[in-house]
Structures are given as structure tokens and as C-alpha cells.
Amino acid sequence: LKRRALLLSVGSTLSTLGQVGCPNHGGIVEMMHGESIYNIIPPKPVVMDKPPMYRSTFQPTQPATASTFHTLSSTHPIVSNVAGGLGDKPVPDKSHRTMGKVNGLNTNHPEQYLKSCKMKVETLSEVKKSHPEALQPSAVKKKTRPGIPKKEEAPVMNLVTSKNFVVANAVETILAAPKKVSQGAKDYLKKEDYGKVPKYLQHIKTDIEAEYYYIQQLQEQHEDANRQQVRGLDEEERRSLIDGLKGKWEQVNTEYQATTHLTKLDTIGKIKRKEKYEAELSQIEKDIEKLNRKNILVDGTV
């Protein structure tokens, strides 16, 4: 009894170590796990759900938007497919277009060699012996010319007539009755559209009138734009401009009169100064003369 109790206590201890997993008794734990009933039934394999394959909504052959790879050595702009709506390359590939392929590329593919004919073709003599009906035409073409006359069918010769065909033809023409006009002849004067303008001419006239109207509208718009840019000069503004020019003229004339006592212009500075004063006085006088006119218009864009 004592021996059985000792064995039961050892067995319970080993089973406890197998469940808990003692690191100091790895061999015993492994033995207990290898003999466990739970290892008889293999676990169910976990199947991972495979996501669907990604497919882009764009075509794989569609060129990139605003790309510079498609315009090499061509007359196209620097950037191609700016809008992104092209379905294929804007410039096709130019492989061996001018000088041909590289030496060695003109050979056939190794799998596309010349093979012998597996089916035997019958000769003409064999076809005549086996099935001659295959040589007969399916439809015989009709003859458009008469056959060649035989040797026995000689034409009639040495026939002479005393009839004067010129006089006979003239007499027949004189005595012939006039031809009757058929009652079903079409009278072109009684057509529905006789004397009316054709429809295509009316369409052309309509197009020309529409074009004239469009040109007239453009001219009116141009005149309105110019009319808005040009304005009349007020009387007060005109007077003020004249008074300002007169004051400027008095100032320049005073400076000019101060140099009139110089009778000898021996330097370039004196000559240039005198020419400048004379040009300014002349220009101011011309401006005053223009402002004294009636109906002065001013350009607003300047």
C-alpha cells in the first residue's frame, strides 16, 4: 500500500509539471506533452483570406500626364499629354524606321523555321485517274463572238447592184413623215420650282447676311470701346492748361532773353542752351495754338 501511494504521488507531480511547464524538467515535460491525448487530433489549419488583386482604373498603356519622354527627336511640343486624355503614346516608337534593323536582327525566329509539307499533294496524272470530275469547270462561260466559219461555208461573192444609195437616201428623207412627239414628254416649264431661287442659294444668302451682321457688331463694339476712351476737354480745364503753358513760356522766354546779349557763341554749351530754349518756346507756342481750337478730344488711355 505504501509503495502504491508513493507511485501515485510521483505520477501526480509529473502530470502537474507537464501542465505548468517547469524549466528544470524540460525532458519530462516534453515527454508528457508527446503522450498527451490532445496531440492525437491535429489542430485545424487557419486559412487566411486572400484580398482581391489590385487593379488600377487607368489603362497600363496610357502615357503619363505632362511628360517629356514622348517627344524626343520629333516636331511635337516639349511637354506631351498635358490634358491627360490620350490613350496611347502621342509619338509612336521609331525603331528601325530610317536605317533598318541592326545587323543580325533580320533572321527568323528559331521556332519559325521552314518545315516540310506533311500533306501529300496529288499530281495531275493522279487526279485524272482518281477523280477527273474535279478538273471540269463549274460553269461554262457564254460565247460573245460567233464561231469561226467552216471551210465549206464560203460567203456569197461577186454580187453587184445598180442602186444609187445617195439618191435613195435623199428621197427617203424627203418623203419621210415627221416624227410624232410622245404625249408623255416632260414639260420643264411647268415644274413646281420653275423660276424660283434654289434653296442652296437661300442658305448661302443667309450665311452671308449672318457674316455681315457679325462684322457689323464687331465694328460697333470697337467704336463703342474707342468712344469710351476718348472724351471732350472741358472749358475750365482748357483755360487752365493755356494759362499754365503761358506761364511756362514766360519762364523760358526770360531765361532765353538773358542770353541774347551774347553775340559770340564760342562754346558748345552756349550753342546747346540757345537751341534748347528756342525749341521749348516753339513747342509751347504750338501747344497753345492747338488748345485754342474748338472741339478738343482727349485720349483717356494715354
Protein backbone atom coordinates (compact mmCIF):
# COMPACT_ATOMS: atom_id res chain seq x y z
CA LEU A 1 0.00 0.00 0.00
CA LYS A 2 2.83 2.40 0.87
CA ARG A 3 4.51 1.63 -2.49
CA ARG A 4 1.28 2.31 -4.46
CA ALA A 5 0.75 5.59 -2.62
CA LEU A 6 4.34 6.64 -3.47
CA LEU A 7 3.83 5.90 -7.19
CA LEU A 8 0.55 7.83 -7.28
CA SER A 9 2.20 10.86 -5.67
CA VAL A 10 5.07 10.80 -8.21
CA GLY A 11 2.64 10.49 -11.12
CA SER A 12 0.54 13.40 -9.92
CA THR A 13 3.69 15.52 -9.54
CA LEU A 14 4.87 14.71 -13.08
CA SER A 15 1.46 15.50 -14.54
CA THR A 16 1.44 18.81 -12.69
CA LEU A 17 4.90 19.67 -14.08
CA GLY A 18 3.74 18.79 -17.60
CA GLN A 19 0.74 21.12 -17.36
CA VAL A 20 2.61 24.03 -15.74
CA GLY A 21 5.86 23.67 -17.70
CA CYS A 22 8.85 23.55 -15.37
CA PRO A 23 12.11 24.74 -17.00
CA ASN A 24 14.24 22.41 -14.87
CA HIS A 25 12.41 19.31 -16.14
CA GLY A 26 12.18 20.03 -19.85
CA GLY A 27 12.65 16.40 -20.86
CA ILE A 28 9.85 15.22 -18.58
CA VAL A 29 7.53 17.99 -19.78
CA GLU A 30 8.25 17.16 -23.38
CA MET A 31 7.57 13.51 -22.75
CA MET A 32 4.29 14.30 -21.07
CA HIS A 33 3.23 16.59 -23.96
CA GLY A 34 4.22 13.98 -26.54
CA GLU A 35 2.00 11.42 -24.83
CA SER A 36 -0.89 13.83 -24.31
CA ILE A 37 -4.24 12.94 -25.85
CA TYR A 38 -4.63 16.46 -27.17
CA ASN A 39 -1.79 15.85 -29.66
CA ILE A 40 -3.62 12.98 -31.35
CA ILE A 41 -6.10 15.28 -33.14
CA PRO A 42 -4.17 17.84 -35.24
CA PRO A 43 -5.33 21.44 -34.95
CA LYS A 44 -7.42 22.93 -37.74
CA PRO A 45 -5.33 24.94 -40.22
CA VAL A 46 -6.04 28.64 -40.15
CA VAL A 47 -6.89 29.82 -43.69
CA MET A 48 -6.03 33.45 -44.27
CA ASP A 49 -8.46 35.33 -46.51
CA LYS A 50 -6.61 36.49 -49.60
CA PRO A 51 -7.55 40.05 -50.56
CA PRO A 52 -8.52 40.67 -54.18
CA MET A 53 -5.76 41.67 -56.58
CA TYR A 54 -5.37 45.41 -57.02
CA ARG A 55 -6.15 46.64 -60.50
CA SER A 56 -5.80 50.27 -61.46
CA THR A 57 -8.66 52.08 -63.12
CA PHE A 58 -6.29 53.57 -65.70
CA GLN A 59 -5.02 51.83 -68.80
CA PRO A 60 -1.50 50.40 -68.46
CA THR A 61 -0.55 51.77 -71.90
CA GLN A 62 -1.79 55.30 -71.17
CA PRO A 63 1.08 57.83 -71.26
CA ALA A 64 1.90 59.96 -68.27
CA THR A 65 0.38 63.42 -67.96
CA ALA A 66 2.66 66.38 -68.87
CA SER A 67 5.54 64.05 -69.71
CA THR A 68 8.70 64.88 -71.64
CA PHE A 69 9.63 61.28 -72.53
CA HIS A 70 7.43 61.02 -75.66
CA THR A 71 8.69 63.99 -77.69
CA LEU A 72 12.31 63.01 -78.27
CA SER A 73 13.54 63.88 -81.80
CA SER A 74 10.09 64.95 -83.03
CA THR A 75 8.26 68.12 -84.03
CA HIS A 76 5.87 67.89 -81.07
CA PRO A 77 5.99 70.39 -78.18
CA ILE A 78 8.32 69.92 -75.24
CA VAL A 79 5.54 68.56 -72.99
CA SER A 80 3.03 65.97 -74.20
CA ASN A 81 -0.38 64.83 -72.94
CA VAL A 82 -0.98 67.97 -70.89
CA ALA A 83 -4.73 67.31 -70.56
CA GLY A 84 -4.18 63.64 -69.71
CA GLY A 85 -6.78 62.34 -72.18
CA LEU A 86 -4.55 60.42 -74.59
CA GLY A 87 -4.99 56.68 -74.76
CA ASP A 88 -1.69 55.90 -76.47
CA LYS A 89 1.70 57.47 -76.99
CA PRO A 90 1.48 60.85 -78.77
CA VAL A 91 4.58 59.97 -80.80
CA PRO A 92 4.84 56.33 -81.98
CA ASP A 93 8.01 54.38 -81.47
CA LYS A 94 10.62 54.91 -84.19
CA SER A 95 12.52 51.65 -84.04
CA HIS A 96 14.44 50.93 -87.27
CA ARG A 97 12.36 53.48 -89.17
CA THR A 98 15.13 55.05 -91.25
CA MET A 99 18.23 52.84 -91.35
CA GLY A 100 16.55 49.47 -90.77
CA LYS A 101 17.27 46.88 -88.12
CA VAL A 102 20.66 46.18 -86.61
CA ASN A 103 22.74 43.51 -88.31
CA GLY A 104 21.66 40.10 -87.08
CA LEU A 105 18.05 41.03 -86.21
CA ASN A 106 16.63 40.25 -89.67
CA THR A 107 16.90 36.49 -89.09
CA ASN A 108 13.77 34.46 -88.41
CA HIS A 109 12.84 33.16 -85.01
CA PRO A 110 14.33 29.74 -84.23
CA GLU A 111 10.85 28.24 -83.80
CA GLN A 112 9.62 29.63 -87.15
CA TYR A 113 11.83 27.57 -89.47
CA LEU A 114 10.69 26.20 -92.82
CA LYS A 115 9.02 22.85 -92.28
CA SER A 116 8.33 20.10 -94.80
CA CYS A 117 4.82 19.60 -96.14
CA LYS A 118 3.13 16.86 -94.17
CA MET A 119 0.15 16.50 -96.57
CA LYS A 120 0.92 14.84 -99.90
CA VAL A 121 -0.34 16.75 -102.96
CA GLU A 122 -1.51 14.60 -105.84
CA THR A 123 -0.06 15.15 -109.26
CA LEU A 124 -2.15 15.97 -112.34
CA SER A 125 -1.95 12.45 -113.71
CA GLU A 126 -3.10 11.00 -110.38
CA VAL A 127 -6.05 13.41 -110.24
CA LYS A 128 -7.08 12.42 -113.78
CA LYS A 129 -7.08 8.77 -112.79
CA SER A 130 -8.72 9.02 -109.38
CA HIS A 131 -11.40 11.76 -109.81
CA PRO A 132 -11.35 13.53 -113.19
CA GLU A 133 -14.62 15.36 -112.41
CA ALA A 134 -12.60 17.77 -110.25
CA LEU A 135 -10.94 19.12 -113.41
CA GLN A 136 -14.25 20.05 -115.04
CA PRO A 137 -15.27 23.72 -114.83
CA SER A 138 -18.21 24.51 -112.60
CA ALA A 139 -19.77 26.98 -115.09
CA VAL A 140 -19.07 27.39 -118.81
CA LYS A 141 -18.66 30.97 -119.96
CA LYS A 142 -21.01 32.04 -122.72
CA LYS A 143 -19.51 32.89 -126.11
CA THR A 144 -19.78 36.55 -127.03
CA ARG A 145 -18.47 36.11 -130.57
CA PRO A 146 -19.74 33.82 -133.28
CA GLY A 147 -17.77 30.76 -134.07
CA ILE A 148 -15.24 30.56 -136.88
CA PRO A 149 -16.93 29.58 -140.20
CA LYS A 150 -16.04 26.23 -141.59
CA LYS A 151 -14.19 25.66 -144.78
CA GLU A 152 -17.36 24.57 -146.61
CA GLU A 153 -19.30 27.73 -145.59
CA ALA A 154 -18.00 30.09 -148.27
CA PRO A 155 -19.57 33.59 -148.45
CA VAL A 156 -21.58 34.82 -151.42
CA MET A 157 -19.28 36.80 -153.73
CA ASN A 158 -19.44 38.92 -156.93
CA LEU A 159 -22.83 40.50 -156.12
CA VAL A 160 -23.29 43.85 -157.95
CA THR A 161 -26.21 46.32 -157.58
CA SER A 162 -27.17 49.35 -159.67
CA LYS A 163 -28.86 51.21 -156.80
CA ASN A 164 -27.69 54.77 -156.14
CA PHE A 165 -27.67 54.91 -152.35
CA VAL A 166 -27.10 58.70 -152.22
CA VAL A 167 -30.22 59.48 -154.25
CA ALA A 168 -32.22 56.78 -152.48
CA ASN A 169 -31.35 58.17 -149.04
CA ALA A 170 -32.26 61.71 -150.14
CA VAL A 171 -35.63 60.59 -151.49
CA GLU A 172 -36.40 58.61 -148.32
CA THR A 173 -35.54 61.59 -146.15
CA ILE A 174 -37.77 63.96 -148.20
CA LEU A 175 -40.74 61.61 -148.22
CA ALA A 176 -40.36 60.55 -144.59
CA ALA A 177 -43.13 61.68 -142.23
CA PRO A 178 -42.15 63.81 -139.23
CA LYS A 179 -41.70 62.00 -136.00
CA LYS A 180 -44.55 62.24 -133.58
CA VAL A 181 -43.78 63.72 -130.20
CA SER A 182 -44.86 61.41 -127.44
CA GLN A 183 -47.60 62.70 -125.19
CA GLY A 184 -45.64 61.74 -122.07
CA ALA A 185 -42.78 64.18 -122.76
CA LYS A 186 -41.86 66.19 -119.68
CA ASP A 187 -42.51 69.93 -119.83
CA TYR A 188 -39.77 71.60 -117.84
CA LEU A 189 -41.62 74.93 -117.85
CA LYS A 190 -44.35 73.50 -115.62
CA LYS A 191 -42.13 72.39 -112.79
CA GLU A 192 -43.00 73.42 -109.24
CA ASP A 193 -39.75 75.25 -108.67
CA TYR A 194 -39.50 76.82 -112.14
CA GLY A 195 -38.44 80.48 -111.89
CA LYS A 196 -37.77 80.22 -108.13
CA VAL A 197 -34.50 80.74 -106.32
CA PRO A 198 -32.90 77.41 -105.40
CA LYS A 199 -32.78 76.51 -101.74
CA TYR A 200 -28.99 76.28 -101.61
CA LEU A 201 -28.74 79.91 -102.79
CA GLN A 202 -31.06 80.94 -99.98
CA HIS A 203 -28.80 79.17 -97.48
CA ILE A 204 -25.77 80.94 -98.93
CA LYS A 205 -27.51 84.33 -98.71
CA THR A 206 -28.45 83.61 -95.09
CA ASP A 207 -24.83 82.74 -94.25
CA ILE A 208 -23.55 85.92 -95.95
CA GLU A 209 -26.07 88.09 -94.07
CA ALA A 210 -25.10 86.46 -90.78
CA GLU A 211 -21.44 87.14 -91.54
CA TYR A 212 -22.15 90.79 -92.40
CA TYR A 213 -24.15 91.15 -89.18
CA TYR A 214 -21.29 89.67 -87.15
CA ILE A 215 -18.76 92.04 -88.76
CA GLN A 216 -21.07 94.99 -88.11
CA GLN A 217 -21.37 94.03 -84.44
CA LEU A 218 -17.58 93.83 -84.15
CA GLN A 219 -17.24 97.28 -85.69
CA GLU A 220 -19.87 98.72 -83.34
CA GLN A 221 -18.12 97.18 -80.32
CA HIS A 222 -14.81 98.64 -81.49
CA GLU A 223 -16.38 102.08 -81.94
CA ASP A 224 -18.02 101.91 -78.51
CA ALA A 225 -14.71 100.99 -76.92
CA ASN A 226 -12.97 103.88 -78.67
CA ARG A 227 -15.81 106.24 -77.79
CA GLN A 228 -15.43 105.41 -74.11
CA GLN A 229 -11.68 106.01 -74.24
CA VAL A 230 -11.97 109.44 -75.90
CA ARG A 231 -13.59 112.35 -74.06
CA GLY A 232 -14.08 116.03 -74.68
CA LEU A 233 -11.96 118.67 -72.95
CA ASP A 234 -13.81 120.95 -70.54
CA GLU A 235 -13.57 124.72 -70.94
CA GLU A 236 -12.14 125.24 -67.45
CA GLU A 237 -9.52 122.56 -67.99
CA ARG A 238 -8.63 124.08 -71.34
CA ARG A 239 -8.22 127.52 -69.80
CA SER A 240 -6.06 126.19 -67.01
CA LEU A 241 -3.82 124.37 -69.49
CA ILE A 242 -3.44 127.53 -71.59
CA ASP A 243 -2.58 129.61 -68.52
CA GLY A 244 0.00 127.03 -67.44
CA LEU A 245 1.59 126.99 -70.90
CA LYS A 246 1.71 130.77 -70.97
CA GLY A 247 3.43 130.83 -67.58
CA LYS A 248 5.91 128.22 -68.82
CA TRP A 249 6.51 130.29 -71.94
CA GLU A 250 7.21 133.41 -69.85
CA GLN A 251 9.71 131.49 -67.71
CA VAL A 252 11.57 130.01 -70.68
CA ASN A 253 11.48 133.34 -72.55
CA THR A 254 13.01 135.16 -69.53
CA GLU A 255 15.87 132.67 -69.45
CA TYR A 256 16.25 132.98 -73.21
CA GLN A 257 16.33 136.81 -73.12
CA ALA A 258 19.08 136.66 -70.51
CA THR A 259 21.40 135.05 -73.09
CA THR A 260 20.54 137.23 -76.09
CA HIS A 261 23.33 139.73 -75.29
CA LEU A 262 25.86 137.06 -76.10
CA THR A 263 26.83 137.84 -79.67
CA LYS A 264 29.65 135.35 -79.81
CA LEU A 265 28.76 131.71 -79.18
CA ASP A 266 32.24 130.30 -78.78
CA THR A 267 31.39 127.22 -76.68
CA ILE A 268 29.24 124.18 -77.28
CA GLY A 269 27.31 124.78 -74.05
CA LYS A 270 26.13 128.22 -75.20
CA ILE A 271 25.02 126.83 -78.57
CA LYS A 272 23.15 123.91 -76.99
CA ARG A 273 21.46 126.14 -74.44
CA LYS A 274 20.24 128.57 -77.10
CA GLU A 275 18.87 125.72 -79.26
CA LYS A 276 17.07 124.21 -76.26
CA TYR A 277 15.34 127.50 -75.37
CA GLU A 278 14.24 128.06 -78.97
CA ALA A 279 12.86 124.51 -79.27
CA GLU A 280 10.92 124.78 -75.98
CA LEU A 281 9.41 128.15 -76.98
CA SER A 282 8.37 126.78 -80.39
CA GLN A 283 6.76 123.68 -78.85
CA ILE A 284 4.85 125.71 -76.24
CA GLU A 285 3.51 128.02 -78.94
CA LYS A 286 2.29 125.03 -80.97
CA ASP A 287 0.55 123.57 -77.91
CA ILE A 288 -1.19 126.86 -77.17
CA GLU A 289 -2.34 127.04 -80.79
CA LYS A 290 -3.83 123.52 -80.56
CA LEU A 291 -5.67 124.35 -77.33
CA ASN A 292 -7.27 127.40 -78.96
CA ARG A 293 -9.19 125.17 -81.39
CA LYS A 294 -12.80 124.02 -80.97
CA ASN A 295 -13.99 120.53 -80.02
CA ILE A 296 -10.79 119.23 -78.44
CA LEU A 297 -10.82 115.46 -77.70
CA VAL A 298 -8.57 113.81 -75.14
CA ASP A 299 -7.46 110.16 -75.30
CA GLY A 300 -8.03 108.58 -71.89
CA THR A 301 -5.69 105.64 -72.48
CA VAL A 302 -2.55 107.79 -72.67
